[in-house]
Protein backbone atom coordinates (compact mmCIF):
# COMPACT_ATOMS: atom_id res chain seq x y z
CA ALA A 1 21.39 -0.92 -11.50
CA MET A 2 24.66 1.51 -10.37
CA ALA A 3 23.01 4.60 -11.74
CA GLY A 4 20.11 3.85 -9.15
CA PHE A 5 22.82 3.37 -6.02
CA GLN A 6 24.77 6.89 -7.27
CA ILE A 7 21.20 8.78 -7.26
CA LEU A 8 20.71 6.97 -3.48
CA LEU A 9 24.22 8.32 -2.58
CA SER A 10 23.81 11.61 -4.12
CA GLN A 11 20.09 12.31 -3.28
CA PRO A 12 19.81 11.12 0.65
CA ASP A 13 16.37 13.51 0.68
CA ARG A 14 14.87 11.18 -1.56
CA VAL A 15 15.87 8.43 0.88
CA ARG A 16 14.32 10.80 3.86
CA LYS A 17 10.97 11.29 1.71
CA LEU A 18 10.92 7.85 1.11
CA HIS A 19 11.17 6.48 4.64
CA ALA A 20 8.87 9.17 5.85
CA ASN A 21 6.13 8.06 3.30
CA ILE A 22 6.19 4.76 4.05
CA ARG A 23 5.87 5.62 7.97
CA PHE A 24 2.81 7.86 7.32
CA PHE A 25 0.88 5.78 4.77
CA ARG A 26 1.74 2.40 7.46
CA ASP A 27 0.87 4.87 10.27
CA GLY A 28 -2.62 5.93 8.48
CA LEU A 29 -3.55 2.29 7.63
CA ARG A 30 -2.91 1.15 11.38
CA ARG A 31 -5.30 4.05 12.20
CA LEU A 32 -7.90 2.81 9.72
CA GLY A 33 -7.88 -0.59 12.08
CA LEU A 34 -5.59 -2.91 9.22
CA THR A 35 -2.93 -4.96 10.87
CA LEU A 36 -0.05 -4.72 8.63
CA PRO A 37 3.18 -7.08 8.61
CA ASP A 38 6.39 -5.54 8.98
CA THR A 39 7.96 -6.10 5.57
CA GLY A 40 10.72 -3.23 6.09
CA THR A 41 10.29 -2.22 2.11
CA ALA A 42 7.85 0.67 0.47
CA ILE A 43 5.29 -2.20 -0.50
CA LEU A 44 2.73 -2.62 2.03
CA PRO A 45 0.24 -5.41 1.91
CA LEU A 46 -3.22 -5.16 2.60
CA MET A 47 -4.71 -8.74 3.40
CA CYS A 48 -8.02 -9.49 1.90
CA ARG A 49 -10.60 -12.30 3.23
CA ASP A 50 -10.76 -14.06 -0.54
CA GLU A 51 -9.73 -13.12 -4.11
CA ALA A 52 -13.23 -12.24 -4.48
CA SER A 53 -12.70 -9.13 -2.12
CA THR A 54 -9.29 -8.49 -3.09
CA PHE A 55 -10.85 -7.56 -6.80
CA THR A 56 -13.88 -5.81 -5.72
CA PHE A 57 -11.79 -3.86 -2.95
CA ALA A 58 -9.37 -2.93 -6.00
CA LYS A 59 -12.27 -2.27 -8.69
CA ARG A 60 -14.04 -0.02 -5.71
CA CYS A 61 -10.81 1.96 -5.29
CA LEU A 62 -10.21 2.37 -9.03
CA ALA A 63 -13.28 3.82 -9.48
CA ASP A 64 -12.41 6.56 -6.46
CA GLY A 65 -9.56 7.42 -8.49
CA LEU A 66 -6.95 5.12 -6.49
CA TYR A 67 -5.17 2.55 -8.18
CA VAL A 68 -3.82 -0.73 -6.17
CA ALA A 69 -2.60 -4.12 -7.15
CA PRO A 70 -4.56 -7.06 -6.31
CA VAL A 71 -2.25 -10.00 -6.18
CA VAL A 72 -3.67 -13.71 -6.01
CA PHE A 73 -2.75 -16.78 -6.32
CA PRO A 74 -0.10 -18.07 -7.66
CA ALA A 75 1.68 -15.39 -6.90
CA VAL A 76 0.98 -15.30 -3.47
CA PRO A 77 0.43 -18.63 -1.53
CA GLN A 78 -3.33 -19.63 -2.04
CA ASN A 79 -5.77 -18.43 0.56
CA ALA A 80 -3.43 -15.51 1.12
CA PRO A 81 -4.94 -13.05 -1.85
CA ARG A 82 -3.72 -9.06 -0.57
CA ILE A 83 -4.01 -5.61 -2.39
CA ARG A 84 -0.21 -4.15 -2.69
CA CYS A 85 0.22 -0.63 -1.72
CA SER A 86 3.79 0.62 -3.14
CA ILE A 87 4.76 3.79 -1.39
CA THR A 88 7.60 6.42 -3.51
CA ALA A 89 9.15 9.41 -2.45
CA ALA A 90 7.18 11.27 -5.39
CA LEU A 91 4.39 11.21 -3.52
CA SER A 92 2.95 14.14 -1.31
CA GLU A 93 1.33 13.75 1.73
CA GLU A 94 -2.14 15.00 0.43
CA ASP A 95 -1.79 12.24 -2.26
CA LEU A 96 -1.01 9.64 0.71
CA THR A 97 -4.32 10.79 2.57
CA LEU A 98 -6.85 11.14 -0.45
CA ALA A 99 -5.41 7.44 -0.71
CA LEU A 100 -6.37 6.60 3.06
CA GLU A 101 -9.52 7.98 2.73
CA ILE A 102 -10.34 5.52 -0.36
CA ILE A 103 -8.92 2.68 1.43
CA GLY A 104 -10.90 3.75 4.88
CA LYS A 105 -13.86 3.93 2.51
CA HIS A 106 -13.54 0.14 1.54
CA CYS A 107 -11.54 -1.45 3.93
CA GLU A 108 -14.76 -3.33 4.73
CA TRP A 109 -13.49 -5.79 1.87
CA LEU A 110 -10.26 -6.40 3.59
CA SER A 111 -9.23 -8.96 6.18
CA GLY A 112 -9.14 -7.86 9.69
CA ALA A 113 -10.82 -4.92 8.84
CA LYS A 114 -12.60 -3.33 12.18
C-alpha cells in the first residue's frame, strides 16, 4: 500500500490522466443518454433492468471486444443489477471512445437508456 502512495506522490500526471479519463468516459456515457450516479471513483456503474439483461449486455459487449463486469445480487442489492466499468490512467482516449461505441451499440439492455 505504501508503494502505491509513493507512486501517487511521485507521478502526479497519472492522477491527472485518471481524472481526465473518468470525466471523458462519464461525459460520453451521459451523451449516450445514460444516467450515472456520482460515485467519485474510477468505477462507473451502469444500471440494468434485471439480471438477465445484465448478463446479455456483458456478453454482447465481450463479443465486440469489450469486457465489462456484470454485478448481481448478493454483491449488490437485489433488483439493482449493474455493469461496472473500471477506468484507469493506462487507457487512451481511443480505448475509451471504442468502449463508448460498443456500449452505445448495446445500451438498450441498460436501465434508463433512451
